[in-house]
Each structure stands twice: as structure tokens, then as C-alpha cells.
């Protein structure tokens, strides 16, 4: 998963930053003065699966706010998928406008946090989207003659 590149100076011993190159994200991780690159997925792939990701997460959780969704996806994928606010919030707003999600605002300290909850229609849609994605992946595995590395 990680490839080592030549040593460069790092701001701190343990830090990371994300840079964007031609729609490919790469995370540079500095560990004990070595730099590791973890290639991430193109924004095109993420854009095509964003609704499915959001709906699946919300169907498994009572309610979530935007930043929480981004962190959960990052955690579950070991940093391979890092959702941006520019992609996430328009999708959340569209799902809300379509009646797939509902929102509730809560005051947290001196800020307002917007929680998203999936509706019954949304739960049905989540199952359909996951099923559709599963079928698509099976087709792609066959079409491209892929050997999957599960683990």
C-alpha cells in the first residue's frame, strides 16, 4: 500500500498532508524521517460513488454531521478516501431536497451543527444503491479480469 520515496525534510517527525495532482490525491506521510506515499482514488471514482457512501453510512448510524461523515470515511478506508467539503455538502443538500435525508440543527458551543438523518425512502434507496454497486463491481471484475485482494 505504501511506497517509500527518497528522504526529504519534514516539518515534524509524524505529520501528513494531502496534495492534488491531475485528479489523483496522494497522501505524504512522514514517519521517522522517511516519506511514504499512499495513492488514493481519482475524484471521478469518488464522485460516482458518493451518494452510495453517504446513504450507507447514514443507514448504519442514527444521525451524522458533515465533518463526522468525512472522518468516518477516512477512518474506514485508512485514508484512501478523503471526502472534500466541496463534494460532500452539495450531495447532502441534494439528498435533503429530494426527501432522502432530513436535517436537524443543534447548537454546540457557539456554533450550529447540522445533523443528517436518513428517511425510510432513503434507507430503501441505500439498499438499492449498494446492490447496484455490488453488481457493477462484479461486472467490472469479470470485464477487466481482475484478481481481488481482499483483506
C-alpha atoms as a PDB file:
ATOM      1  CA  UNK A   1       0.000   0.000   0.000  1.00  0.00           C
ATOM      2  CA  UNK A   2       2.837   2.406   0.745  1.00  0.00           C
ATOM      3  CA  UNK A   3       5.845   3.124  -1.398  1.00  0.00           C
ATOM      4  CA  UNK A   4       8.991   4.713   0.010  1.00  0.00           C
ATOM      5  CA  UNK A   5      10.449   7.757  -1.696  1.00  0.00           C
ATOM      6  CA  UNK A   6      13.760   9.495  -1.035  1.00  0.00           C
ATOM      7  CA  UNK A   7      14.209  11.256   2.283  1.00  0.00           C
ATOM      8  CA  UNK A   8      13.179  14.905   2.437  1.00  0.00           C
ATOM      9  CA  UNK A   9      12.933  17.230   5.360  1.00  0.00           C
ATOM     10  CA  UNK A  10       9.626  17.046   7.162  1.00  0.00           C
ATOM     11  CA  UNK A  11       8.033  19.718   9.328  1.00  0.00           C
ATOM     12  CA  UNK A  12       7.659  17.240  12.179  1.00  0.00           C
ATOM     13  CA  UNK A  13       8.510  13.607  12.734  1.00  0.00           C
ATOM     14  CA  UNK A  14       4.879  12.485  12.433  1.00  0.00           C
ATOM     15  CA  UNK A  15       2.787  14.553  10.063  1.00  0.00           C
ATOM     16  CA  UNK A  16       0.882  14.200   6.845  1.00  0.00           C
ATOM     17  CA  UNK A  17      -0.564  16.458   4.206  1.00  0.00           C
ATOM     18  CA  UNK A  18      -2.682  15.891   1.139  1.00  0.00           C
ATOM     19  CA  UNK A  19      -1.736  17.295  -2.261  1.00  0.00           C
ATOM     20  CA  UNK A  20      -3.652  17.108  -5.530  1.00  0.00           C
ATOM     21  CA  UNK A  21      -2.106  16.202  -8.877  1.00  0.00           C
ATOM     22  CA  UNK A  22      -4.287  15.846 -12.006  1.00  0.00           C
ATOM     23  CA  UNK A  23      -7.328  14.493 -10.102  1.00  0.00           C
ATOM     24  CA  UNK A  24      -5.200  11.980  -8.184  1.00  0.00           C
ATOM     25  CA  UNK A  25      -4.786  12.520  -4.473  1.00  0.00           C
ATOM     26  CA  UNK A  26      -1.653  11.376  -2.697  1.00  0.00           C
ATOM     27  CA  UNK A  27      -1.008  11.486   0.993  1.00  0.00           C
ATOM     28  CA  UNK A  28       2.553  12.006   2.080  1.00  0.00           C
ATOM     29  CA  UNK A  29       3.279  10.524   5.486  1.00  0.00           C
ATOM     30  CA  UNK A  30       6.466  11.367   7.318  1.00  0.00           C
ATOM     31  CA  UNK A  31       7.472   8.606   9.717  1.00  0.00           C
ATOM     32  CA  UNK A  32      10.920   8.643  11.283  1.00  0.00           C
ATOM     33  CA  UNK A  33      12.284  10.944   8.559  1.00  0.00           C
ATOM     34  CA  UNK A  34      11.064   8.704   5.724  1.00  0.00           C
ATOM     35  CA  UNK A  35       8.306   9.756   3.371  1.00  0.00           C
ATOM     36  CA  UNK A  36       5.638   7.281   2.366  1.00  0.00           C
ATOM     37  CA  UNK A  37       3.127   7.836  -0.409  1.00  0.00           C
ATOM     38  CA  UNK A  38      -0.323   6.347  -0.201  1.00  0.00           C
ATOM     39  CA  UNK A  39      -2.042   6.689  -3.579  1.00  0.00           C
ATOM     40  CA  UNK A  40      -5.720   7.481  -3.293  1.00  0.00           C
ATOM     41  CA  UNK A  41      -8.558   7.206  -5.775  1.00  0.00           C
ATOM     42  CA  UNK A  42      -9.402   9.666  -8.517  1.00  0.00           C
ATOM     43  CA  UNK A  43     -12.087  12.235  -7.807  1.00  0.00           C
ATOM     44  CA  UNK A  44     -14.087  10.744 -10.708  1.00  0.00           C
ATOM     45  CA  UNK A  45     -14.372   7.394  -8.918  1.00  0.00           C
ATOM     46  CA  UNK A  46     -15.359   9.031  -5.649  1.00  0.00           C
ATOM     47  CA  UNK A  47     -17.903  11.306  -7.334  1.00  0.00           C
ATOM     48  CA  UNK A  48     -19.611   8.284  -8.881  1.00  0.00           C
ATOM     49  CA  UNK A  49     -19.975   6.526  -5.537  1.00  0.00           C
ATOM     50  CA  UNK A  50     -20.517   9.449  -3.156  1.00  0.00           C
ATOM     51  CA  UNK A  51     -24.299   9.048  -2.786  1.00  0.00           C
ATOM     52  CA  UNK A  52     -23.877   5.341  -2.114  1.00  0.00           C
ATOM     53  CA  UNK A  53     -21.216   6.012   0.539  1.00  0.00           C
ATOM     54  CA  UNK A  54     -23.309   8.678   2.284  1.00  0.00           C
ATOM     55  CA  UNK A  55     -26.523   6.645   2.222  1.00  0.00           C
ATOM     56  CA  UNK A  56     -24.808   3.503   3.511  1.00  0.00           C
ATOM     57  CA  UNK A  57     -23.156   5.397   6.390  1.00  0.00           C
ATOM     58  CA  UNK A  58     -26.369   7.149   7.380  1.00  0.00           C
ATOM     59  CA  UNK A  59     -28.360   3.914   7.190  1.00  0.00           C
ATOM     60  CA  UNK A  60     -25.953   2.429   9.755  1.00  0.00           C
ATOM     61  CA  UNK A  61     -25.874   5.482  12.042  1.00  0.00           C
ATOM     62  CA  UNK A  62     -28.732   7.311  13.728  1.00  0.00           C
ATOM     63  CA  UNK A  63     -27.522  10.749  12.684  1.00  0.00           C
ATOM     64  CA  UNK A  64     -24.265  12.300  11.478  1.00  0.00           C
ATOM     65  CA  UNK A  65     -22.986  15.770  10.670  1.00  0.00           C
ATOM     66  CA  UNK A  66     -20.850  16.568   7.629  1.00  0.00           C
ATOM     67  CA  UNK A  67     -17.407  16.597   9.223  1.00  0.00           C
ATOM     68  CA  UNK A  68     -18.257  13.383  11.061  1.00  0.00           C
ATOM     69  CA  UNK A  69     -19.075  11.734   7.728  1.00  0.00           C
ATOM     70  CA  UNK A  70     -15.732  12.798   6.230  1.00  0.00           C
ATOM     71  CA  UNK A  71     -13.819  11.480   9.236  1.00  0.00           C
ATOM     72  CA  UNK A  72     -15.714   8.172   9.310  1.00  0.00           C
ATOM     73  CA  UNK A  73     -14.989   7.566   5.609  1.00  0.00           C
ATOM     74  CA  UNK A  74     -11.334   8.457   6.126  1.00  0.00           C
ATOM     75  CA  UNK A  75     -11.143   6.097   9.125  1.00  0.00           C
ATOM     76  CA  UNK A  76     -12.921   3.182   7.425  1.00  0.00           C
ATOM     77  CA  UNK A  77     -10.714   3.435   4.320  1.00  0.00           C
ATOM     78  CA  UNK A  78      -7.441   4.030   6.168  1.00  0.00           C
ATOM     79  CA  UNK A  79      -7.187   7.415   4.485  1.00  0.00           C
ATOM     80  CA  UNK A  80      -7.653   6.135   0.932  1.00  0.00           C
ATOM     81  CA  UNK A  81     -10.860   8.120   0.535  1.00  0.00           C
ATOM     82  CA  UNK A  82     -10.895  11.664   1.856  1.00  0.00           C
ATOM     83  CA  UNK A  83     -14.119  13.470   1.070  1.00  0.00           C
ATOM     84  CA  UNK A  84     -13.879  17.185   0.477  1.00  0.00           C
ATOM     85  CA  UNK A  85     -16.463  19.683   1.684  1.00  0.00           C
ATOM     86  CA  UNK A  86     -16.916  20.790  -1.933  1.00  0.00           C
ATOM     87  CA  UNK A  87     -18.097  17.312  -2.878  1.00  0.00           C
ATOM     88  CA  UNK A  88     -19.897  16.299   0.310  1.00  0.00           C
ATOM     89  CA  UNK A  89     -22.165  19.243   1.092  1.00  0.00           C
ATOM     90  CA  UNK A  90     -23.759  19.688  -2.349  1.00  0.00           C
ATOM     91  CA  UNK A  91     -24.568  15.959  -2.319  1.00  0.00           C
ATOM     92  CA  UNK A  92     -26.041  16.164   1.197  1.00  0.00           C
ATOM     93  CA  UNK A  93     -28.128  19.205   0.191  1.00  0.00           C
ATOM     94  CA  UNK A  94     -29.394  17.456  -2.946  1.00  0.00           C
ATOM     95  CA  UNK A  95     -30.362  14.347  -0.954  1.00  0.00           C
ATOM     96  CA  UNK A  96     -32.167  16.575   1.545  1.00  0.00           C
ATOM     97  CA  UNK A  97     -34.007  18.420  -1.258  1.00  0.00           C
ATOM     98  CA  UNK A  98     -35.088  15.050  -2.689  1.00  0.00           C
ATOM     99  CA  UNK A  99     -36.528  13.953   0.678  1.00  0.00           C
ATOM    100  CA  UNK A 100     -33.915  11.224   1.140  1.00  0.00           C
ATOM    101  CA  UNK A 101     -32.401  12.932   4.194  1.00  0.00           C
ATOM    102  CA  UNK A 102     -33.776  15.168   6.905  1.00  0.00           C
ATOM    103  CA  UNK A 103     -31.787  17.638   8.964  1.00  0.00           C
ATOM    104  CA  UNK A 104     -31.811  18.942  12.484  1.00  0.00           C
ATOM    105  CA  UNK A 105     -29.699  21.848  13.665  1.00  0.00           C
ATOM    106  CA  UNK A 106     -28.198  21.781  17.140  1.00  0.00           C
ATOM    107  CA  UNK A 107     -26.258  24.479  18.975  1.00  0.00           C
ATOM    108  CA  UNK A 108     -22.870  23.137  20.019  1.00  0.00           C
ATOM    109  CA  UNK A 109     -20.969  25.726  21.995  1.00  0.00           C
ATOM    110  CA  UNK A 110     -21.189  28.874  19.923  1.00  0.00           C
ATOM    111  CA  UNK A 111     -21.673  27.019  16.616  1.00  0.00           C
ATOM    112  CA  UNK A 112     -24.622  25.461  14.874  1.00  0.00           C
ATOM    113  CA  UNK A 113     -24.174  21.836  13.804  1.00  0.00           C
ATOM    114  CA  UNK A 114     -26.447  20.313  11.166  1.00  0.00           C
ATOM    115  CA  UNK A 115     -27.205  16.620  11.677  1.00  0.00           C
ATOM    116  CA  UNK A 116     -28.379  14.480   8.768  1.00  0.00           C
ATOM    117  CA  UNK A 117     -30.759  11.545   9.227  1.00  0.00           C
ATOM    118  CA  UNK A 118     -31.869   9.114   6.551  1.00  0.00           C
ATOM    119  CA  UNK A 119     -35.601   8.686   5.844  1.00  0.00           C
ATOM    120  CA  UNK A 120     -37.422   5.400   5.159  1.00  0.00           C
ATOM    121  CA  UNK A 121     -37.231   6.189   1.459  1.00  0.00           C
ATOM    122  CA  UNK A 122     -33.522   6.860   1.914  1.00  0.00           C
ATOM    123  CA  UNK A 123     -32.963   3.507   3.622  1.00  0.00           C
ATOM    124  CA  UNK A 124     -34.626   1.764   0.700  1.00  0.00           C
ATOM    125  CA  UNK A 125     -32.514   3.790  -1.716  1.00  0.00           C
ATOM    126  CA  UNK A 126     -29.342   2.905   0.256  1.00  0.00           C
ATOM    127  CA  UNK A 127     -30.058  -0.807  -0.162  1.00  0.00           C
ATOM    128  CA  UNK A 128     -30.718  -0.324  -3.875  1.00  0.00           C
ATOM    129  CA  UNK A 129     -27.542   1.741  -4.377  1.00  0.00           C
ATOM    130  CA  UNK A 130     -25.357  -0.785  -2.529  1.00  0.00           C
ATOM    131  CA  UNK A 131     -26.890  -3.637  -4.513  1.00  0.00           C
ATOM    132  CA  UNK A 132     -26.380  -1.750  -7.780  1.00  0.00           C
ATOM    133  CA  UNK A 133     -22.752  -1.030  -6.836  1.00  0.00           C
ATOM    134  CA  UNK A 134     -22.156  -4.695  -5.924  1.00  0.00           C
ATOM    135  CA  UNK A 135     -23.484  -5.786  -9.324  1.00  0.00           C
ATOM    136  CA  UNK A 136     -21.372  -3.128 -11.049  1.00  0.00           C
ATOM    137  CA  UNK A 137     -18.233  -4.310  -9.219  1.00  0.00           C
ATOM    138  CA  UNK A 138     -18.944  -7.928 -10.178  1.00  0.00           C
ATOM    139  CA  UNK A 139     -19.298  -6.843 -13.801  1.00  0.00           C
ATOM    140  CA  UNK A 140     -16.043  -4.861 -13.674  1.00  0.00           C
ATOM    141  CA  UNK A 141     -14.182  -7.781 -12.068  1.00  0.00           C
ATOM    142  CA  UNK A 142     -15.356 -10.003 -14.920  1.00  0.00           C
ATOM    143  CA  UNK A 143     -14.850  -7.417 -17.665  1.00  0.00           C
ATOM    144  CA  UNK A 144     -11.324  -6.458 -16.599  1.00  0.00           C
ATOM    145  CA  UNK A 145     -10.355  -9.973 -15.471  1.00  0.00           C
ATOM    146  CA  UNK A 146      -9.365  -8.689 -12.037  1.00  0.00           C
ATOM    147  CA  UNK A 147      -7.977 -10.736  -9.184  1.00  0.00           C
ATOM    148  CA  UNK A 148      -9.274  -9.130  -5.995  1.00  0.00           C
ATOM    149  CA  UNK A 149      -7.078  -8.727  -2.940  1.00  0.00           C
ATOM    150  CA  UNK A 150      -9.499  -8.903  -0.026  1.00  0.00           C
ATOM    151  CA  UNK A 151      -8.065  -8.263   3.372  1.00  0.00           C
END
